[in-house]
PDB file of all heavy atoms in Angstrom:
ATOM      1  N   GLY A   1       0.799  -1.180  -0.014  1.00  0.00           N
ATOM      2  CA  GLY A   1       0.002  -0.003   0.018  1.00  0.00           C
ATOM      3  C   GLY A   1       0.784   1.262   0.008  1.00  0.00           C
ATOM      4  O   GLY A   1       0.270   2.345  -0.093  1.00  0.00           O
ATOM      5  N   GLU A   2       2.141   1.129   0.128  1.00  0.00           N
ATOM      6  CA  GLU A   2       2.977   2.328   0.065  1.00  0.00           C
ATOM      7  C   GLU A   2       2.934   2.983  -1.270  1.00  0.00           C
ATOM      8  O   GLU A   2       3.167   2.361  -2.319  1.00  0.00           O
ATOM      9  CB  GLU A   2       4.484   1.928   0.380  1.00  0.00           C
ATOM     10  CG  GLU A   2       5.421   3.057   0.392  1.00  0.00           C
ATOM     11  CD  GLU A   2       6.850   2.672   0.565  1.00  0.00           C
ATOM     12  OE1 GLU A   2       7.156   1.475   0.614  1.00  0.00           O
ATOM     13  OE2 GLU A   2       7.743   3.557   0.532  1.00  0.00           O
ATOM     14  N   LEU A   3       2.610   4.217  -1.260  1.00  0.00           N
ATOM     15  CA  LEU A   3       2.422   4.988  -2.473  1.00  0.00           C
ATOM     16  C   LEU A   3       3.818   5.489  -2.928  1.00  0.00           C
ATOM     17  O   LEU A   3       4.576   6.086  -2.223  1.00  0.00           O
ATOM     18  CB  LEU A   3       1.504   6.180  -2.318  1.00  0.00           C
ATOM     19  CG  LEU A   3       1.227   7.033  -3.468  1.00  0.00           C
ATOM     20  CD1 LEU A   3       0.443   6.284  -4.479  1.00  0.00           C
ATOM     21  CD2 LEU A   3       0.464   8.307  -3.054  1.00  0.00           C
ATOM     22  N   LEU A   4       4.107   5.275  -4.256  1.00  0.00           N
ATOM     23  CA  LEU A   4       5.347   5.712  -4.787  1.00  0.00           C
ATOM     24  C   LEU A   4       5.207   6.932  -5.651  1.00  0.00           C
ATOM     25  O   LEU A   4       6.181   7.698  -5.863  1.00  0.00           O
ATOM     26  CB  LEU A   4       6.017   4.597  -5.573  1.00  0.00           C
ATOM     27  CG  LEU A   4       6.315   3.343  -4.805  1.00  0.00           C
ATOM     28  CD1 LEU A   4       6.900   2.282  -5.771  1.00  0.00           C
ATOM     29  CD2 LEU A   4       7.360   3.611  -3.669  1.00  0.00           C
ATOM     30  N   GLY A   5       4.030   7.148  -6.199  1.00  0.00           N
ATOM     31  CA  GLY A   5       3.830   8.378  -7.030  1.00  0.00           C
ATOM     32  C   GLY A   5       2.444   8.438  -7.652  1.00  0.00           C
ATOM     33  O   GLY A   5       1.789   7.427  -7.751  1.00  0.00           O
ATOM     34  N   TYR A   6       2.061   9.651  -8.053  1.00  0.00           N
ATOM     35  CA  TYR A   6       0.814   9.927  -8.716  1.00  0.00           C
ATOM     36  C   TYR A   6       1.133  10.545 -10.046  1.00  0.00           C
ATOM     37  O   TYR A   6       2.085  11.260 -10.220  1.00  0.00           O
ATOM     38  CB  TYR A   6      -0.024  10.976  -7.947  1.00  0.00           C
ATOM     39  CG  TYR A   6      -0.742  10.558  -6.722  1.00  0.00           C
ATOM     40  CD1 TYR A   6      -0.349  10.912  -5.464  1.00  0.00           C
ATOM     41  CD2 TYR A   6      -1.946   9.749  -6.847  1.00  0.00           C
ATOM     42  CE1 TYR A   6      -1.070  10.567  -4.339  1.00  0.00           C
ATOM     43  CE2 TYR A   6      -2.623   9.391  -5.718  1.00  0.00           C
ATOM     44  CZ  TYR A   6      -2.188   9.786  -4.481  1.00  0.00           C
ATOM     45  OH  TYR A   6      -2.928   9.461  -3.369  1.00  0.00           O
ATOM     46  N   SER A   7       0.170  10.388 -11.001  1.00  0.00           N
ATOM     47  CA  SER A   7       0.241  11.292 -12.118  1.00  0.00           C
ATOM     48  C   SER A   7      -0.370  12.659 -11.674  1.00  0.00           C
ATOM     49  O   SER A   7      -1.149  12.716 -10.737  1.00  0.00           O
ATOM     50  CB  SER A   7      -0.627  10.725 -13.280  1.00  0.00           C
ATOM     51  OG  SER A   7      -2.024  10.695 -12.958  1.00  0.00           O
ATOM     52  N   ASP A   8       0.078  13.756 -12.347  1.00  0.00           N
ATOM     53  CA  ASP A   8      -0.366  15.021 -11.936  1.00  0.00           C
ATOM     54  C   ASP A   8      -1.969  15.198 -12.032  1.00  0.00           C
ATOM     55  O   ASP A   8      -2.462  15.931 -11.240  1.00  0.00           O
ATOM     56  CB  ASP A   8       0.298  16.129 -12.766  1.00  0.00           C
ATOM     57  CG  ASP A   8       1.823  16.266 -12.457  1.00  0.00           C
ATOM     58  OD1 ASP A   8       2.191  15.883 -11.387  1.00  0.00           O
ATOM     59  OD2 ASP A   8       2.492  16.823 -13.318  1.00  0.00           O
ATOM     60  N   SER A   9      -2.517  14.528 -12.971  1.00  0.00           N
ATOM     61  CA  SER A   9      -3.985  14.725 -13.139  1.00  0.00           C
ATOM     62  C   SER A   9      -4.793  14.135 -12.024  1.00  0.00           C
ATOM     63  O   SER A   9      -5.933  14.559 -11.910  1.00  0.00           O
ATOM     64  CB  SER A   9      -4.365  14.029 -14.475  1.00  0.00           C
ATOM     65  OG  SER A   9      -4.208  12.698 -14.432  1.00  0.00           O
ATOM     66  N   VAL A  10      -4.253  13.258 -11.227  1.00  0.00           N
ATOM     67  CA  VAL A  10      -5.051  12.656 -10.153  1.00  0.00           C
ATOM     68  C   VAL A  10      -4.521  12.967  -8.763  1.00  0.00           C
ATOM     69  O   VAL A  10      -5.127  12.546  -7.743  1.00  0.00           O
ATOM     70  CB  VAL A  10      -5.168  11.110 -10.296  1.00  0.00           C
ATOM     71  CG1 VAL A  10      -5.686  10.768 -11.693  1.00  0.00           C
ATOM     72  CG2 VAL A  10      -3.817  10.420 -10.099  1.00  0.00           C
ATOM     73  N   ARG A  11      -3.487  13.714  -8.696  1.00  0.00           N
ATOM     74  CA  ARG A  11      -2.857  14.021  -7.397  1.00  0.00           C
ATOM     75  C   ARG A  11      -3.864  14.663  -6.460  1.00  0.00           C
ATOM     76  O   ARG A  11      -4.575  15.625  -6.860  1.00  0.00           O
ATOM     77  CB  ARG A  11      -1.638  14.954  -7.588  1.00  0.00           C
ATOM     78  CG  ARG A  11      -0.835  15.181  -6.318  1.00  0.00           C
ATOM     79  CD  ARG A  11       0.289  16.138  -6.576  1.00  0.00           C
ATOM     80  NE  ARG A  11       1.171  15.607  -7.651  1.00  0.00           N
ATOM     81  CZ  ARG A  11       2.222  14.731  -7.424  1.00  0.00           C
ATOM     82  NH1 ARG A  11       2.430  14.290  -6.248  1.00  0.00           N
ATOM     83  NH2 ARG A  11       2.940  14.337  -8.429  1.00  0.00           N
ATOM     84  N   GLY A  12      -3.941  14.144  -5.246  1.00  0.00           N
ATOM     85  CA  GLY A  12      -4.864  14.724  -4.285  1.00  0.00           C
ATOM     86  C   GLY A  12      -6.301  14.175  -4.382  1.00  0.00           C
ATOM     87  O   GLY A  12      -7.118  14.447  -3.452  1.00  0.00           O
ATOM     88  N   ARG A  13      -6.581  13.349  -5.415  1.00  0.00           N
ATOM     89  CA  ARG A  13      -7.973  12.809  -5.540  1.00  0.00           C
ATOM     90  C   ARG A  13      -7.998  11.278  -5.470  1.00  0.00           C
ATOM     91  O   ARG A  13      -9.041  10.760  -5.073  1.00  0.00           O
ATOM     92  CB  ARG A  13      -8.565  13.259  -6.930  1.00  0.00           C
ATOM     93  CG  ARG A  13      -8.680  14.792  -7.046  1.00  0.00           C
ATOM     94  CD  ARG A  13      -9.450  15.150  -8.319  1.00  0.00           C
ATOM     95  NE  ARG A  13      -8.676  14.766  -9.582  1.00  0.00           N
ATOM     96  CZ  ARG A  13      -9.161  13.825 -10.433  1.00  0.00           C
ATOM     97  NH1 ARG A  13     -10.358  13.293 -10.243  1.00  0.00           N
ATOM     98  NH2 ARG A  13      -8.440  13.507 -11.512  1.00  0.00           N
ATOM     99  N   PHE A  14      -6.908  10.635  -5.838  1.00  0.00           N
ATOM    100  CA  PHE A  14      -6.901   9.171  -5.833  1.00  0.00           C
ATOM    101  C   PHE A  14      -5.972   8.665  -4.706  1.00  0.00           C
ATOM    102  O   PHE A  14      -4.960   9.311  -4.442  1.00  0.00           O
ATOM    103  CB  PHE A  14      -6.385   8.605  -7.214  1.00  0.00           C
ATOM    104  CG  PHE A  14      -7.281   8.856  -8.356  1.00  0.00           C
ATOM    105  CD1 PHE A  14      -8.472   9.600  -8.260  1.00  0.00           C
ATOM    106  CD2 PHE A  14      -7.015   8.252  -9.603  1.00  0.00           C
ATOM    107  CE1 PHE A  14      -9.311   9.757  -9.375  1.00  0.00           C
ATOM    108  CE2 PHE A  14      -7.832   8.390 -10.677  1.00  0.00           C
ATOM    109  CZ  PHE A  14      -8.996   9.185 -10.558  1.00  0.00           C
ATOM    110  N   SER A  15      -6.297   7.539  -4.173  1.00  0.00           N
ATOM    111  CA  SER A  15      -5.418   6.953  -3.127  1.00  0.00           C
ATOM    112  C   SER A  15      -5.497   5.460  -3.257  1.00  0.00           C
ATOM    113  O   SER A  15      -6.425   4.857  -3.747  1.00  0.00           O
ATOM    114  CB  SER A  15      -5.789   7.443  -1.796  1.00  0.00           C
ATOM    115  OG  SER A  15      -7.090   7.008  -1.485  1.00  0.00           O
ATOM    116  N   VAL A  16      -4.448   4.788  -2.692  1.00  0.00           N
ATOM    117  CA  VAL A  16      -4.314   3.303  -2.712  1.00  0.00           C
ATOM    118  C   VAL A  16      -4.366   2.801  -1.276  1.00  0.00           C
ATOM    119  O   VAL A  16      -3.799   3.473  -0.405  1.00  0.00           O
ATOM    120  CB  VAL A  16      -3.014   2.907  -3.362  1.00  0.00           C
ATOM    121  CG1 VAL A  16      -2.811   1.355  -3.247  1.00  0.00           C
ATOM    122  CG2 VAL A  16      -2.943   3.289  -4.827  1.00  0.00           C
ATOM    123  N   SER A  17      -5.056   1.748  -1.078  1.00  0.00           N
ATOM    124  CA  SER A  17      -5.126   1.114   0.255  1.00  0.00           C
ATOM    125  C   SER A  17      -5.292  -0.408   0.140  1.00  0.00           C
ATOM    126  O   SER A  17      -5.727  -0.865  -0.840  1.00  0.00           O
ATOM    127  CB  SER A  17      -6.229   1.724   1.110  1.00  0.00           C
ATOM    128  OG  SER A  17      -7.441   1.438   0.505  1.00  0.00           O
ATOM    129  N   ARG A  18      -4.917  -1.111   1.206  1.00  0.00           N
ATOM    130  CA  ARG A  18      -5.131  -2.534   1.294  1.00  0.00           C
ATOM    131  C   ARG A  18      -6.600  -2.730   1.621  1.00  0.00           C
ATOM    132  O   ARG A  18      -7.135  -2.130   2.481  1.00  0.00           O
ATOM    133  CB  ARG A  18      -4.274  -3.195   2.303  1.00  0.00           C
ATOM    134  CG  ARG A  18      -2.778  -3.191   2.016  1.00  0.00           C
ATOM    135  CD  ARG A  18      -2.482  -3.991   0.710  1.00  0.00           C
ATOM    136  NE  ARG A  18      -2.855  -5.384   0.835  1.00  0.00           N
ATOM    137  CZ  ARG A  18      -2.158  -6.364   1.416  1.00  0.00           C
ATOM    138  NH1 ARG A  18      -0.942  -6.095   1.845  1.00  0.00           N
ATOM    139  NH2 ARG A  18      -2.634  -7.567   1.423  1.00  0.00           N
ATOM    140  N   ALA A  19      -7.174  -3.647   0.916  1.00  0.00           N
ATOM    141  CA  ALA A  19      -8.616  -4.033   1.102  1.00  0.00           C
ATOM    142  C   ALA A  19      -8.741  -5.144   2.181  1.00  0.00           C
ATOM    143  O   ALA A  19      -7.764  -5.801   2.515  1.00  0.00           O
ATOM    144  CB  ALA A  19      -9.221  -4.455  -0.215  1.00  0.00           C
ATOM    145  N   ASN A  20      -9.988  -5.359   2.591  1.00  0.00           N
ATOM    146  CA  ASN A  20     -10.204  -6.434   3.567  1.00  0.00           C
ATOM    147  C   ASN A  20     -10.009  -7.791   2.963  1.00  0.00           C
ATOM    148  O   ASN A  20      -9.552  -8.728   3.607  1.00  0.00           O
ATOM    149  CB  ASN A  20     -11.622  -6.260   4.157  1.00  0.00           C
ATOM    150  CG  ASN A  20     -11.784  -5.139   5.031  1.00  0.00           C
ATOM    151  OD1 ASN A  20     -10.828  -4.639   5.693  1.00  0.00           O
ATOM    152  ND2 ASN A  20     -12.999  -4.572   5.126  1.00  0.00           N
ATOM    153  N   ALA A  21     -10.388  -7.946   1.681  1.00  0.00           N
ATOM    154  CA  ALA A  21     -10.222  -9.257   1.010  1.00  0.00           C
ATOM    155  C   ALA A  21      -8.735  -9.598   0.856  1.00  0.00           C
ATOM    156  O   ALA A  21      -7.833  -8.698   0.636  1.00  0.00           O
ATOM    157  CB  ALA A  21     -10.851  -9.151  -0.337  1.00  0.00           C
ATOM    158  N   LYS A  22      -8.420 -10.825   0.967  1.00  0.00           N
ATOM    159  CA  LYS A  22      -7.089 -11.318   0.858  1.00  0.00           C
ATOM    160  C   LYS A  22      -6.502 -11.026  -0.539  1.00  0.00           C
ATOM    161  O   LYS A  22      -7.172 -11.184  -1.593  1.00  0.00           O
ATOM    162  CB  LYS A  22      -7.032 -12.866   1.148  1.00  0.00           C
ATOM    163  CG  LYS A  22      -5.651 -13.430   1.189  1.00  0.00           C
ATOM    164  CD  LYS A  22      -5.714 -14.904   1.466  1.00  0.00           C
ATOM    165  CE  LYS A  22      -4.342 -15.594   1.580  1.00  0.00           C
ATOM    166  NZ  LYS A  22      -4.401 -16.984   1.883  1.00  0.00           N
ATOM    167  N   ASN A  23      -5.208 -10.608  -0.544  1.00  0.00           N
ATOM    168  CA  ASN A  23      -4.523 -10.314  -1.782  1.00  0.00           C
ATOM    169  C   ASN A  23      -5.194  -9.301  -2.671  1.00  0.00           C
ATOM    170  O   ASN A  23      -5.179  -9.469  -3.903  1.00  0.00           O
ATOM    171  CB  ASN A  23      -4.284 -11.621  -2.547  1.00  0.00           C
ATOM    172  CG  ASN A  23      -3.423 -12.645  -1.760  1.00  0.00           C
ATOM    173  OD1 ASN A  23      -2.468 -12.237  -1.054  1.00  0.00           O
ATOM    174  ND2 ASN A  23      -3.700 -13.944  -1.978  1.00  0.00           N
ATOM    175  N   THR A  24      -5.754  -8.325  -2.086  1.00  0.00           N
ATOM    176  CA  THR A  24      -6.453  -7.316  -2.780  1.00  0.00           C
ATOM    177  C   THR A  24      -6.054  -5.885  -2.345  1.00  0.00           C
ATOM    178  O   THR A  24      -5.869  -5.658  -1.165  1.00  0.00           O
ATOM    179  CB  THR A  24      -7.975  -7.460  -2.615  1.00  0.00           C
ATOM    180  OG1 THR A  24      -8.398  -8.761  -3.097  1.00  0.00           O
ATOM    181  CG2 THR A  24      -8.750  -6.454  -3.420  1.00  0.00           C
ATOM    182  N   VAL A  25      -5.869  -4.992  -3.270  1.00  0.00           N
ATOM    183  CA  VAL A  25      -5.699  -3.586  -2.936  1.00  0.00           C
ATOM    184  C   VAL A  25      -6.753  -2.783  -3.692  1.00  0.00           C
ATOM    185  O   VAL A  25      -7.255  -3.194  -4.740  1.00  0.00           O
ATOM    186  CB  VAL A  25      -4.257  -3.070  -3.385  1.00  0.00           C
ATOM    187  CG1 VAL A  25      -3.207  -3.768  -2.547  1.00  0.00           C
ATOM    188  CG2 VAL A  25      -4.002  -3.299  -4.855  1.00  0.00           C
ATOM    189  N   ASP A  26      -7.107  -1.629  -3.097  1.00  0.00           N
ATOM    190  CA  ASP A  26      -8.142  -0.740  -3.684  1.00  0.00           C
ATOM    191  C   ASP A  26      -7.475   0.545  -4.195  1.00  0.00           C
ATOM    192  O   ASP A  26      -6.530   1.061  -3.641  1.00  0.00           O
ATOM    193  CB  ASP A  26      -9.128  -0.376  -2.639  1.00  0.00           C
ATOM    194  CG  ASP A  26     -10.010  -1.592  -2.275  1.00  0.00           C
ATOM    195  OD1 ASP A  26     -10.056  -2.612  -3.044  1.00  0.00           O
ATOM    196  OD2 ASP A  26     -10.760  -1.522  -1.246  1.00  0.00           O
ATOM    197  N   LEU A  27      -8.063   1.088  -5.165  1.00  0.00           N
ATOM    198  CA  LEU A  27      -7.852   2.445  -5.645  1.00  0.00           C
ATOM    199  C   LEU A  27      -9.092   3.235  -5.480  1.00  0.00           C
ATOM    200  O   LEU A  27     -10.111   3.007  -6.084  1.00  0.00           O
ATOM    201  CB  LEU A  27      -7.444   2.424  -7.151  1.00  0.00           C
ATOM    202  CG  LEU A  27      -7.188   3.769  -7.791  1.00  0.00           C
ATOM    203  CD1 LEU A  27      -5.940   4.404  -7.163  1.00  0.00           C
ATOM    204  CD2 LEU A  27      -7.044   3.681  -9.305  1.00  0.00           C
ATOM    205  N   GLN A  28      -8.986   4.241  -4.575  1.00  0.00           N
ATOM    206  CA  GLN A  28     -10.110   5.127  -4.289  1.00  0.00           C
ATOM    207  C   GLN A  28     -10.020   6.308  -5.230  1.00  0.00           C
ATOM    208  O   GLN A  28      -9.070   6.976  -5.226  1.00  0.00           O
ATOM    209  CB  GLN A  28     -10.094   5.564  -2.870  1.00  0.00           C
ATOM    210  CG  GLN A  28     -11.254   6.485  -2.450  1.00  0.00           C
ATOM    211  CD  GLN A  28     -12.529   5.860  -2.461  1.00  0.00           C
ATOM    212  OE1 GLN A  28     -12.660   4.677  -2.055  1.00  0.00           O
ATOM    213  NE2 GLN A  28     -13.585   6.557  -2.824  1.00  0.00           N
ATOM    214  N   LEU A  29     -11.082   6.490  -6.022  1.00  0.00           N
ATOM    215  CA  LEU A  29     -11.186   7.564  -7.004  1.00  0.00           C
ATOM    216  C   LEU A  29     -12.226   8.576  -6.459  1.00  0.00           C
ATOM    217  O   LEU A  29     -13.437   8.256  -6.412  1.00  0.00           O
ATOM    218  CB  LEU A  29     -11.631   7.108  -8.341  1.00  0.00           C
ATOM    219  CG  LEU A  29     -10.596   6.257  -9.202  1.00  0.00           C
ATOM    220  CD1 LEU A  29     -10.396   4.831  -8.547  1.00  0.00           C
ATOM    221  CD2 LEU A  29     -11.219   6.039 -10.635  1.00  0.00           C
ATOM    222  N   ASN A  30     -11.782   9.778  -6.095  1.00  0.00           N
ATOM    223  CA  ASN A  30     -12.614  10.764  -5.560  1.00  0.00           C
ATOM    224  C   ASN A  30     -12.694  12.010  -6.478  1.00  0.00           C
ATOM    225  O   ASN A  30     -11.770  12.194  -7.362  1.00  0.00           O
ATOM    226  CB  ASN A  30     -12.139  11.304  -4.220  1.00  0.00           C
ATOM    227  CG  ASN A  30     -12.208  10.264  -3.183  1.00  0.00           C
ATOM    228  OD1 ASN A  30     -13.148   9.435  -3.153  1.00  0.00           O
ATOM    229  ND2 ASN A  30     -11.274  10.239  -2.200  1.00  0.00           N
ATOM    230  N   ASP A  31     -13.793  12.740  -6.484  1.00  0.00           N
ATOM    231  CA  ASP A  31     -13.997  13.998  -7.221  1.00  0.00           C
ATOM    232  C   ASP A  31     -13.720  13.716  -8.678  1.00  0.00           C
ATOM    233  O   ASP A  31     -12.926  14.392  -9.348  1.00  0.00           O
ATOM    234  CB  ASP A  31     -13.036  15.076  -6.712  1.00  0.00           C
ATOM    235  CG  ASP A  31     -13.372  16.442  -7.228  1.00  0.00           C
ATOM    236  OD1 ASP A  31     -14.538  16.650  -7.640  1.00  0.00           O
ATOM    237  OD2 ASP A  31     -12.485  17.329  -7.292  1.00  0.00           O
ATOM    238  N   LEU A  32     -14.378  12.737  -9.229  1.00  0.00           N
ATOM    239  CA  LEU A  32     -14.134  12.305 -10.576  1.00  0.00           C
ATOM    240  C   LEU A  32     -14.510  13.359 -11.640  1.00  0.00           C
ATOM    241  O   LEU A  32     -15.515  14.104 -11.425  1.00  0.00           O
ATOM    242  CB  LEU A  32     -14.883  11.038 -10.876  1.00  0.00           C
ATOM    243  CG  LEU A  32     -14.244   9.773 -10.231  1.00  0.00           C
ATOM    244  CD1 LEU A  32     -15.211   8.634 -10.123  1.00  0.00           C
ATOM    245  CD2 LEU A  32     -13.014   9.356 -11.008  1.00  0.00           C
ATOM    246  N   ARG A  33     -13.715  13.454 -12.672  1.00  0.00           N
ATOM    247  CA  ARG A  33     -13.879  14.389 -13.732  1.00  0.00           C
ATOM    248  C   ARG A  33     -14.063  13.584 -15.044  1.00  0.00           C
ATOM    249  O   ARG A  33     -13.693  12.453 -15.177  1.00  0.00           O
ATOM    250  CB  ARG A  33     -12.682  15.249 -13.865  1.00  0.00           C
ATOM    251  CG  ARG A  33     -12.259  15.948 -12.558  1.00  0.00           C
ATOM    252  CD  ARG A  33     -10.886  16.588 -12.664  1.00  0.00           C
ATOM    253  NE  ARG A  33     -10.476  17.219 -11.436  1.00  0.00           N
ATOM    254  CZ  ARG A  33      -9.293  17.671 -11.196  1.00  0.00           C
ATOM    255  NH1 ARG A  33      -8.284  17.527 -12.111  1.00  0.00           N
ATOM    256  NH2 ARG A  33      -8.990  18.291 -10.071  1.00  0.00           N
TER     257      ARG A  33
END
């Protein structure tokens, strides 16, 4: 879940986290354009 970088277009709006499900990570997309 350690973030290494964002593209400029999504900086501050998208984030990565570990999900509850095994072997799964989530990408949270906020304020979609």
